[in-house]
Protein backbone atom coordinates (compact mmCIF):
# COMPACT_ATOMS: atom_id res chain seq x y z
CA MET A 1 0.00 0.00 0.00
CA ALA A 2 1.35 3.42 -0.98
CA ASN A 3 2.08 5.70 1.94
CA HIS A 4 3.43 8.74 0.06
CA GLN A 5 1.00 10.71 -2.05
CA VAL A 6 2.37 12.84 -4.88
CA TYR A 7 0.76 15.54 -7.02
CA VAL A 8 2.44 16.80 -10.22
CA ILE A 9 2.15 20.27 -11.77
CA TRP A 10 3.43 20.13 -15.32
CA THR A 11 3.61 22.07 -18.56
CA ASN A 12 5.09 19.60 -21.02
CA PRO A 13 3.22 16.28 -21.58
CA LEU A 14 6.56 14.47 -21.96
CA PHE A 15 7.54 15.67 -18.47
CA HIS A 16 4.25 14.38 -17.07
CA ASP A 17 4.56 10.99 -18.76
CA SER A 18 8.20 10.61 -17.70
CA LEU A 19 7.40 11.32 -14.05
CA ARG A 20 4.54 8.84 -14.09
CA GLN A 21 7.00 6.15 -15.14
CA LEU A 22 9.67 7.24 -12.67
CA LEU A 23 7.18 7.18 -9.80
CA ASP A 24 6.09 3.61 -10.38
CA HIS A 25 6.93 2.46 -6.86
CA GLN A 26 4.91 0.50 -4.30
CA ASP A 27 5.30 3.24 -1.65
CA ILE A 28 4.25 6.11 -3.94
CA GLU A 29 0.78 6.96 -5.18
CA LEU A 30 0.34 9.59 -7.88
CA VAL A 31 -2.90 11.15 -6.63
CA GLY A 32 -3.29 13.77 -9.33
CA SER A 33 -1.73 16.11 -11.83
CA ALA A 34 -2.59 19.24 -13.78
CA SER A 35 -1.04 21.59 -16.27
CA ASP A 36 -3.21 24.49 -15.08
CA PHE A 37 -2.03 26.11 -11.84
CA THR A 38 -5.52 27.16 -10.67
CA ALA A 39 -6.93 23.67 -11.21
CA ALA A 40 -3.88 22.19 -9.46
CA VAL A 41 -4.41 24.37 -6.36
CA GLU A 42 -8.05 23.27 -6.13
CA GLU A 43 -7.13 19.58 -6.42
CA ILE A 44 -4.22 19.87 -3.98
CA SER A 45 -6.55 21.51 -1.42
CA ARG A 46 -8.88 18.55 -1.72
CA LEU A 47 -6.30 15.73 -1.93
CA HIS A 48 -3.68 16.86 0.66
CA PRO A 49 -0.67 15.11 -0.94
CA ASP A 50 2.64 14.71 0.91
CA THR A 51 4.73 15.92 -2.02
CA ILE A 52 4.16 18.27 -4.93
CA LEU A 53 6.44 17.97 -7.94
CA ILE A 54 6.58 21.05 -10.17
CA GLU A 55 8.11 21.18 -13.62
CA GLU A 56 10.71 23.94 -13.57
CA ILE A 57 10.55 26.20 -16.59
CA ALA A 58 12.31 29.35 -15.37
CA GLU A 59 13.89 29.69 -11.94
CA GLU A 60 12.10 32.93 -11.01
CA THR A 61 8.72 31.51 -12.05
CA THR A 62 9.31 28.30 -10.12
CA THR A 63 10.33 30.17 -6.95
CA SER A 64 7.16 32.27 -7.17
CA THR A 65 5.07 29.11 -7.62
CA PHE A 66 6.78 27.45 -4.63
CA MET A 67 5.97 30.46 -2.44
CA LYS A 68 2.31 30.51 -3.50
CA ILE A 69 1.92 26.82 -2.73
CA VAL A 70 3.67 26.89 0.63
CA GLU A 71 1.70 29.96 1.75
CA LYS A 72 -1.60 28.41 0.64
CA PHE A 73 -1.28 24.99 2.29
CA GLN A 74 -0.61 24.55 5.99
CA TRP A 75 0.14 20.82 6.33
CA ASP A 76 3.57 19.16 6.25
CA LEU A 77 4.29 19.34 2.55
CA ARG A 78 7.41 18.77 0.47
CA VAL A 79 7.57 20.88 -2.70
CA VAL A 80 10.11 19.76 -5.30
CA GLY A 81 10.99 21.49 -8.55
CA VAL A 82 12.14 19.11 -11.25
CA SER A 83 13.89 20.09 -14.46
CA LEU A 84 14.50 17.46 -17.08
CA ASN A 85 16.75 19.89 -18.99
CA ASP A 86 19.65 19.86 -16.57
CA ASN A 87 18.88 16.82 -14.36
CA GLN A 88 18.36 19.01 -11.29
CA LEU A 89 16.02 18.68 -8.33
CA SER A 90 15.32 21.89 -6.44
CA ILE A 91 13.83 21.20 -3.04
CA PHE A 92 11.92 24.12 -1.53
CA GLN A 93 14.06 24.03 1.60
CA HIS A 94 16.75 25.54 -0.67
CA ALA A 95 18.74 22.34 -0.93
CA GLN A 96 19.65 21.08 -4.36
CA GLN A 97 20.47 17.61 -5.62
CA THR A 98 21.56 16.24 -8.94
CA VAL A 99 19.60 13.30 -10.24
CA GLY A 100 21.90 10.59 -11.48
CA ARG A 101 19.38 7.77 -11.64
CA PRO A 102 15.58 7.49 -11.68
CA GLU A 103 15.70 6.00 -8.18
CA ASP A 104 17.02 9.32 -6.82
CA LEU A 105 13.60 10.94 -7.30
CA THR A 106 11.84 8.02 -5.62
CA ARG A 107 14.25 8.15 -2.69
CA LEU A 108 13.65 11.89 -2.27
CA ILE A 109 9.89 11.38 -2.02
CA ILE A 110 9.89 8.45 0.42
CA GLN A 111 12.58 9.78 2.76
CA GLU A 112 11.34 10.58 6.22
């Protein structure tokens, strides 16, 4: 049974499809996704996921999106920006990791 719920905010369909494949793990449940920010906020409010993955397009836009999400939701939430262009994960806590293997993203989500 999955014990980590993930929601994905995406722009590019290839990004969305790639993450769906990367997140195929028994401890992770993809509870929803949207390419529209307003629709995503409504679904996130209803679903209360543990982790939100956001496709990074431009750093300043992503930072603004992170801030809006963190201010809006008050539960323990991990917000992760993912860029497939440069293999980078940007964790909202201002840490940064390089993804070397698909398992790195899974490990980031299920870590306690």
